[in-house]
C-alpha atoms as a PDB file:
ATOM      1  CA  UNK A   1      19.862 -31.843  51.563  1.00  0.00           C
ATOM      2  CA  UNK A   2      17.612 -32.990  48.758  1.00  0.00           C
ATOM      3  CA  UNK A   3      14.666 -30.897  47.690  1.00  0.00           C
ATOM      4  CA  UNK A   4      12.280 -33.673  48.713  1.00  0.00           C
ATOM      5  CA  UNK A   5      13.738 -33.674  52.236  1.00  0.00           C
ATOM      6  CA  UNK A   6      13.376 -29.899  52.468  1.00  0.00           C
ATOM      7  CA  UNK A   7       9.765 -30.098  51.316  1.00  0.00           C
ATOM      8  CA  UNK A   8       9.039 -32.895  53.813  1.00  0.00           C
ATOM      9  CA  UNK A   9      10.524 -30.881  56.693  1.00  0.00           C
ATOM     10  CA  UNK A  10       8.516 -27.817  55.652  1.00  0.00           C
ATOM     11  CA  UNK A  11       5.343 -29.893  55.484  1.00  0.00           C
ATOM     12  CA  UNK A  12       5.965 -31.355  58.929  1.00  0.00           C
ATOM     13  CA  UNK A  13       6.566 -27.931  60.513  1.00  0.00           C
ATOM     14  CA  UNK A  14       3.411 -26.208  59.268  1.00  0.00           C
ATOM     15  CA  UNK A  15       0.012 -26.543  60.898  1.00  0.00           C
ATOM     16  CA  UNK A  16      -2.927 -28.444  59.390  1.00  0.00           C
ATOM     17  CA  UNK A  17      -4.549 -25.134  58.427  1.00  0.00           C
ATOM     18  CA  UNK A  18      -1.404 -23.988  56.611  1.00  0.00           C
ATOM     19  CA  UNK A  19      -1.234 -27.366  54.868  1.00  0.00           C
ATOM     20  CA  UNK A  20      -4.788 -26.816  53.658  1.00  0.00           C
ATOM     21  CA  UNK A  21      -3.860 -23.381  52.274  1.00  0.00           C
ATOM     22  CA  UNK A  22      -0.799 -24.819  50.531  1.00  0.00           C
ATOM     23  CA  UNK A  23      -2.950 -27.458  48.848  1.00  0.00           C
ATOM     24  CA  UNK A  24      -5.448 -24.805  47.684  1.00  0.00           C
ATOM     25  CA  UNK A  25      -2.617 -22.627  46.350  1.00  0.00           C
ATOM     26  CA  UNK A  26      -1.090 -25.597  44.523  1.00  0.00           C
ATOM     27  CA  UNK A  27      -4.406 -26.148  42.767  1.00  0.00           C
ATOM     28  CA  UNK A  28      -5.402 -22.514  42.232  1.00  0.00           C
ATOM     29  CA  UNK A  29      -2.112 -21.152  40.850  1.00  0.00           C
ATOM     30  CA  UNK A  30      -1.899 -23.468  37.789  1.00  0.00           C
ATOM     31  CA  UNK A  31      -5.580 -22.901  37.057  1.00  0.00           C
ATOM     32  CA  UNK A  32      -5.131 -19.128  37.306  1.00  0.00           C
ATOM     33  CA  UNK A  33      -2.069 -19.208  35.036  1.00  0.00           C
ATOM     34  CA  UNK A  34      -3.896 -21.399  32.516  1.00  0.00           C
ATOM     35  CA  UNK A  35      -6.890 -19.057  32.450  1.00  0.00           C
ATOM     36  CA  UNK A  36      -4.646 -16.009  32.054  1.00  0.00           C
ATOM     37  CA  UNK A  37      -2.781 -17.633  29.163  1.00  0.00           C
ATOM     38  CA  UNK A  38      -6.087 -18.624  27.562  1.00  0.00           C
ATOM     39  CA  UNK A  39      -7.475 -15.105  27.715  1.00  0.00           C
ATOM     40  CA  UNK A  40      -4.179 -13.626  26.476  1.00  0.00           C
ATOM     41  CA  UNK A  41      -4.104 -15.995  23.496  1.00  0.00           C
ATOM     42  CA  UNK A  42      -7.768 -15.303  22.728  1.00  0.00           C
ATOM     43  CA  UNK A  43      -7.211 -11.524  22.832  1.00  0.00           C
ATOM     44  CA  UNK A  44      -4.151 -11.883  20.627  1.00  0.00           C
ATOM     45  CA  UNK A  45      -6.034 -13.954  18.069  1.00  0.00           C
ATOM     46  CA  UNK A  46      -8.940 -11.495  18.116  1.00  0.00           C
ATOM     47  CA  UNK A  47      -6.591  -8.549  17.514  1.00  0.00           C
ATOM     48  CA  UNK A  48      -4.818 -10.476  14.739  1.00  0.00           C
ATOM     49  CA  UNK A  49      -8.114 -11.299  13.048  1.00  0.00           C
ATOM     50  CA  UNK A  50      -9.170  -7.640  13.271  1.00  0.00           C
ATOM     51  CA  UNK A  51      -5.903  -6.567  11.612  1.00  0.00           C
ATOM     52  CA  UNK A  52      -6.403  -9.206   8.918  1.00  0.00           C
ATOM     53  CA  UNK A  53      -9.943  -7.979   8.279  1.00  0.00           C
ATOM     54  CA  UNK A  54      -8.692  -4.388   7.989  1.00  0.00           C
ATOM     55  CA  UNK A  55      -5.972  -5.498   5.574  1.00  0.00           C
ATOM     56  CA  UNK A  56      -8.436  -7.473   3.445  1.00  0.00           C
ATOM     57  CA  UNK A  57     -10.802  -4.502   3.321  1.00  0.00           C
ATOM     58  CA  UNK A  58      -7.941  -2.196   2.371  1.00  0.00           C
ATOM     59  CA  UNK A  59      -6.704  -4.464  -0.413  1.00  0.00           C
ATOM     60  CA  UNK A  60     -10.245  -4.958  -1.701  1.00  0.00           C
ATOM     61  CA  UNK A  61     -10.744  -1.196  -1.893  1.00  0.00           C
ATOM     62  CA  UNK A  62      -7.456  -0.718  -3.720  1.00  0.00           C
ATOM     63  CA  UNK A  63      -8.269  -3.582  -6.097  1.00  0.00           C
ATOM     64  CA  UNK A  64     -11.661  -2.057  -6.900  1.00  0.00           C
ATOM     65  CA  UNK A  65     -10.016   1.264  -7.694  1.00  0.00           C
ATOM     66  CA  UNK A  66      -7.476  -0.446  -9.922  1.00  0.00           C
ATOM     67  CA  UNK A  67     -10.196  -2.313 -11.830  1.00  0.00           C
ATOM     68  CA  UNK A  68     -11.981   0.950 -12.515  1.00  0.00           C
ATOM     69  CA  UNK A  69      -8.903   2.401 -14.149  1.00  0.00           C
ATOM     70  CA  UNK A  70      -5.881   0.660 -15.632  1.00  0.00           C
ATOM     71  CA  UNK A  71      -6.837  -1.582 -18.521  1.00  0.00           C
ATOM     72  CA  UNK A  72     -10.012   0.271 -19.478  1.00  0.00           C
ATOM     73  CA  UNK A  73      -8.111   3.523 -19.817  1.00  0.00           C
ATOM     74  CA  UNK A  74      -5.332   2.391 -22.092  1.00  0.00           C
ATOM     75  CA  UNK A  75      -5.334   4.199 -25.451  1.00  0.00           C
ATOM     76  CA  UNK A  76      -8.385   3.373 -27.518  1.00  0.00           C
ATOM     77  CA  UNK A  77     -10.062   4.841 -30.538  1.00  0.00           C
ATOM     78  CA  UNK A  78     -12.885   6.336 -28.444  1.00  0.00           C
ATOM     79  CA  UNK A  79     -10.434   8.302 -26.274  1.00  0.00           C
ATOM     80  CA  UNK A  80      -8.921  11.441 -27.718  1.00  0.00           C
ATOM     81  CA  UNK A  81      -5.163  11.040 -27.418  1.00  0.00           C
ATOM     82  CA  UNK A  82      -3.187  14.295 -27.184  1.00  0.00           C
ATOM     83  CA  UNK A  83      -0.167  14.944 -29.368  1.00  0.00           C
ATOM     84  CA  UNK A  84       2.043  15.526 -26.319  1.00  0.00           C
ATOM     85  CA  UNK A  85       2.112  13.602 -23.028  1.00  0.00           C
ATOM     86  CA  UNK A  86       0.753  15.160 -19.871  1.00  0.00           C
ATOM     87  CA  UNK A  87       3.287  16.365 -17.330  1.00  0.00           C
ATOM     88  CA  UNK A  88       2.843  13.466 -14.937  1.00  0.00           C
ATOM     89  CA  UNK A  89       4.845  14.991 -12.096  1.00  0.00           C
ATOM     90  CA  UNK A  90       2.530  17.986 -11.900  1.00  0.00           C
ATOM     91  CA  UNK A  91      -0.544  15.807 -12.431  1.00  0.00           C
ATOM     92  CA  UNK A  92       0.415  13.442  -9.608  1.00  0.00           C
ATOM     93  CA  UNK A  93       1.445  16.172  -7.199  1.00  0.00           C
ATOM     94  CA  UNK A  94      -1.932  17.847  -7.704  1.00  0.00           C
ATOM     95  CA  UNK A  95      -3.688  14.540  -6.937  1.00  0.00           C
ATOM     96  CA  UNK A  96      -1.556  14.072  -3.816  1.00  0.00           C
ATOM     97  CA  UNK A  97      -2.426  17.586  -2.637  1.00  0.00           C
ATOM     98  CA  UNK A  98      -6.128  16.760  -2.905  1.00  0.00           C
ATOM     99  CA  UNK A  99      -5.492  13.596  -0.844  1.00  0.00           C
ATOM    100  CA  UNK A 100      -3.582  15.545   1.803  1.00  0.00           C
ATOM    101  CA  UNK A 101       0.010  14.360   1.378  1.00  0.00           C
ATOM    102  CA  UNK A 102       3.090  14.992  -0.748  1.00  0.00           C
ATOM    103  CA  UNK A 103       5.096  12.725  -3.027  1.00  0.00           C
ATOM    104  CA  UNK A 104       8.782  12.848  -2.141  1.00  0.00           C
ATOM    105  CA  UNK A 105      10.280  11.676  -5.403  1.00  0.00           C
ATOM    106  CA  UNK A 106       8.892  10.797  -8.831  1.00  0.00           C
ATOM    107  CA  UNK A 107      11.218   8.889 -11.152  1.00  0.00           C
ATOM    108  CA  UNK A 108      10.607   8.665 -14.925  1.00  0.00           C
ATOM    109  CA  UNK A 109      10.919   5.370 -16.765  1.00  0.00           C
ATOM    110  CA  UNK A 110      12.979   5.171 -19.919  1.00  0.00           C
ATOM    111  CA  UNK A 111      10.798   6.029 -22.910  1.00  0.00           C
ATOM    112  CA  UNK A 112      10.088   3.315 -25.452  1.00  0.00           C
ATOM    113  CA  UNK A 113       9.352   3.787 -29.161  1.00  0.00           C
ATOM    114  CA  UNK A 114       5.674   4.433 -29.962  1.00  0.00           C
ATOM    115  CA  UNK A 115       3.566   1.335 -30.554  1.00  0.00           C
ATOM    116  CA  UNK A 116       0.726   1.595 -33.050  1.00  0.00           C
ATOM    117  CA  UNK A 117       1.324   5.336 -33.086  1.00  0.00           C
ATOM    118  CA  UNK A 118       0.865   5.639 -29.307  1.00  0.00           C
ATOM    119  CA  UNK A 119       3.678   6.788 -27.033  1.00  0.00           C
ATOM    120  CA  UNK A 120       3.550   5.574 -23.431  1.00  0.00           C
ATOM    121  CA  UNK A 121       5.179   7.797 -20.816  1.00  0.00           C
ATOM    122  CA  UNK A 122       5.609   6.202 -17.400  1.00  0.00           C
ATOM    123  CA  UNK A 123       6.836   7.292 -13.963  1.00  0.00           C
ATOM    124  CA  UNK A 124       7.114   5.441 -10.677  1.00  0.00           C
ATOM    125  CA  UNK A 125       7.387   6.389  -7.009  1.00  0.00           C
ATOM    126  CA  UNK A 126       6.767   5.185  -3.463  1.00  0.00           C
ATOM    127  CA  UNK A 127       4.341   6.234  -0.749  1.00  0.00           C
ATOM    128  CA  UNK A 128       4.743   5.652   2.981  1.00  0.00           C
ATOM    129  CA  UNK A 129       2.642   5.903   6.131  1.00  0.00           C
ATOM    130  CA  UNK A 130      -0.690   6.631   4.441  1.00  0.00           C
ATOM    131  CA  UNK A 131      -4.196   6.365   5.789  1.00  0.00           C
ATOM    132  CA  UNK A 132      -6.290   4.151   3.523  1.00  0.00           C
ATOM    133  CA  UNK A 133      -8.737   7.006   2.863  1.00  0.00           C
ATOM    134  CA  UNK A 134      -5.879   9.204   1.666  1.00  0.00           C
ATOM    135  CA  UNK A 135      -4.663   6.496  -0.716  1.00  0.00           C
ATOM    136  CA  UNK A 136      -8.198   5.909  -1.968  1.00  0.00           C
ATOM    137  CA  UNK A 137      -8.678   9.620  -2.677  1.00  0.00           C
ATOM    138  CA  UNK A 138      -5.329   9.819  -4.443  1.00  0.00           C
ATOM    139  CA  UNK A 139      -5.996   6.813  -6.679  1.00  0.00           C
ATOM    140  CA  UNK A 140      -9.439   8.109  -7.591  1.00  0.00           C
ATOM    141  CA  UNK A 141      -7.978  11.504  -8.517  1.00  0.00           C
ATOM    142  CA  UNK A 142      -5.314   9.898 -10.685  1.00  0.00           C
ATOM    143  CA  UNK A 143      -7.734   7.552 -12.431  1.00  0.00           C
ATOM    144  CA  UNK A 144     -10.664   9.905 -13.006  1.00  0.00           C
ATOM    145  CA  UNK A 145      -9.167  13.317 -13.711  1.00  0.00           C
ATOM    146  CA  UNK A 146      -7.821  12.339 -17.141  1.00  0.00           C
ATOM    147  CA  UNK A 147      -8.805   9.504 -19.473  1.00  0.00           C
ATOM    148  CA  UNK A 148      -5.257   9.181 -20.804  1.00  0.00           C
ATOM    149  CA  UNK A 149      -3.693   8.498 -17.394  1.00  0.00           C
ATOM    150  CA  UNK A 150      -3.754   5.051 -15.772  1.00  0.00           C
ATOM    151  CA  UNK A 151      -2.210   3.344 -12.772  1.00  0.00           C
ATOM    152  CA  UNK A 152      -0.378   0.481 -14.463  1.00  0.00           C
ATOM    153  CA  UNK A 153       1.249  -1.081 -11.401  1.00  0.00           C
ATOM    154  CA  UNK A 154       0.472  -0.942  -7.690  1.00  0.00           C
ATOM    155  CA  UNK A 155       1.884  -2.817  -4.683  1.00  0.00           C
ATOM    156  CA  UNK A 156       0.416  -2.260  -1.220  1.00  0.00           C
ATOM    157  CA  UNK A 157       1.422  -3.592   2.200  1.00  0.00           C
ATOM    158  CA  UNK A 158       0.777  -2.783   5.858  1.00  0.00           C
ATOM    159  CA  UNK A 159       3.231  -0.309   7.391  1.00  0.00           C
ATOM    160  CA  UNK A 160       5.731  -1.769   9.851  1.00  0.00           C
ATOM    161  CA  UNK A 161       5.922   1.530  11.723  1.00  0.00           C
ATOM    162  CA  UNK A 162       2.186   1.969  12.233  1.00  0.00           C
ATOM    163  CA  UNK A 163      -0.157  -0.999  11.809  1.00  0.00           C
ATOM    164  CA  UNK A 164      -3.082   1.355  11.180  1.00  0.00           C
ATOM    165  CA  UNK A 165      -1.395   2.776   8.084  1.00  0.00           C
ATOM    166  CA  UNK A 166      -0.144   1.349   4.808  1.00  0.00           C
ATOM    167  CA  UNK A 167       2.915   1.641   2.610  1.00  0.00           C
ATOM    168  CA  UNK A 168       2.866   1.569  -1.184  1.00  0.00           C
ATOM    169  CA  UNK A 169       6.374   0.517  -2.242  1.00  0.00           C
ATOM    170  CA  UNK A 170       5.508   0.518  -5.948  1.00  0.00           C
ATOM    171  CA  UNK A 171       3.261   2.965  -7.782  1.00  0.00           C
ATOM    172  CA  UNK A 172       3.594   3.102 -11.561  1.00  0.00           C
ATOM    173  CA  UNK A 173       1.544   5.589 -13.547  1.00  0.00           C
ATOM    174  CA  UNK A 174       1.419   5.949 -17.328  1.00  0.00           C
ATOM    175  CA  UNK A 175       0.034   8.508 -19.731  1.00  0.00           C
ATOM    176  CA  UNK A 176      -0.459   8.193 -23.466  1.00  0.00           C
ATOM    177  CA  UNK A 177       0.125  10.509 -26.385  1.00  0.00           C
ATOM    178  CA  UNK A 178       0.029  10.317 -30.169  1.00  0.00           C
ATOM    179  CA  UNK A 179       3.091  12.109 -31.599  1.00  0.00           C
ATOM    180  CA  UNK A 180       2.701  13.738 -34.991  1.00  0.00           C
ATOM    181  CA  UNK A 181       3.699  11.351 -37.775  1.00  0.00           C
ATOM    182  CA  UNK A 182       6.153  13.907 -39.140  1.00  0.00           C
ATOM    183  CA  UNK A 183       7.995  14.275 -35.825  1.00  0.00           C
ATOM    184  CA  UNK A 184      11.714  14.704 -36.237  1.00  0.00           C
ATOM    185  CA  UNK A 185      14.365  13.339 -33.907  1.00  0.00           C
ATOM    186  CA  UNK A 186      17.371  14.969 -32.296  1.00  0.00           C
ATOM    187  CA  UNK A 187      15.532  18.211 -31.579  1.00  0.00           C
ATOM    188  CA  UNK A 188      14.676  19.088 -35.196  1.00  0.00           C
ATOM    189  CA  UNK A 189      11.237  20.629 -35.635  1.00  0.00           C
ATOM    190  CA  UNK A 190       8.949  20.260 -38.651  1.00  0.00           C
ATOM    191  CA  UNK A 191       9.159  23.326 -40.842  1.00  0.00           C
ATOM    192  CA  UNK A 192       6.180  25.658 -40.485  1.00  0.00           C
ATOM    193  CA  UNK A 193       4.254  23.139 -38.388  1.00  0.00           C
ATOM    194  CA  UNK A 194       2.118  24.323 -35.504  1.00  0.00           C
ATOM    195  CA  UNK A 195       2.384  20.922 -33.836  1.00  0.00           C
ATOM    196  CA  UNK A 196       5.924  21.051 -32.564  1.00  0.00           C
ATOM    197  CA  UNK A 197       7.737  17.855 -31.745  1.00  0.00           C
ATOM    198  CA  UNK A 198       6.110  15.985 -28.869  1.00  0.00           C
ATOM    199  CA  UNK A 199       7.878  16.100 -25.562  1.00  0.00           C
ATOM    200  CA  UNK A 200       9.637  12.961 -24.565  1.00  0.00           C
ATOM    201  CA  UNK A 201       8.182  11.837 -21.250  1.00  0.00           C
ATOM    202  CA  UNK A 202       9.966   9.902 -18.599  1.00  0.00           C
END
């Protein structure tokens, strides 16, 4: 039996009152579903926009912190450059402690020959599942505690595990030193000099 025949038989069997209710249901159900879908889409778009606003605010904060440091803190004549590089691992771990988290692994970059008498020592690492306030505190500590330390590369994205937190897959930090001009290679030390050979960072 065709569906149309079944529907016709059902319609013939029911009373006029039941027919009236069927007509109302046929009108009300699509309207109800349409309204529900509309509200669901609106709520989803509102939540998405809120997440986007949070992300924009987070990236703006990070960008402001980067602008305060980085390029303006590269070696310059007005900044006193030490003869030996700072121990970046200790420096960064101290900053992380102030911010309330720990850095799992800090990897040194290969050292490059000094340029214009300045040696750049660089390390990089990753950070995961951080509150934006913790990252902000950490970056401020790194950038303001020493004038010869700068965040030279930073990549931030929203955490997949927790949308309220962020991941920083790339953090690159550099420090600068001015090795003594008479520095010897291969572990030899200048005779009678109080300024021993500068440590090779990274």
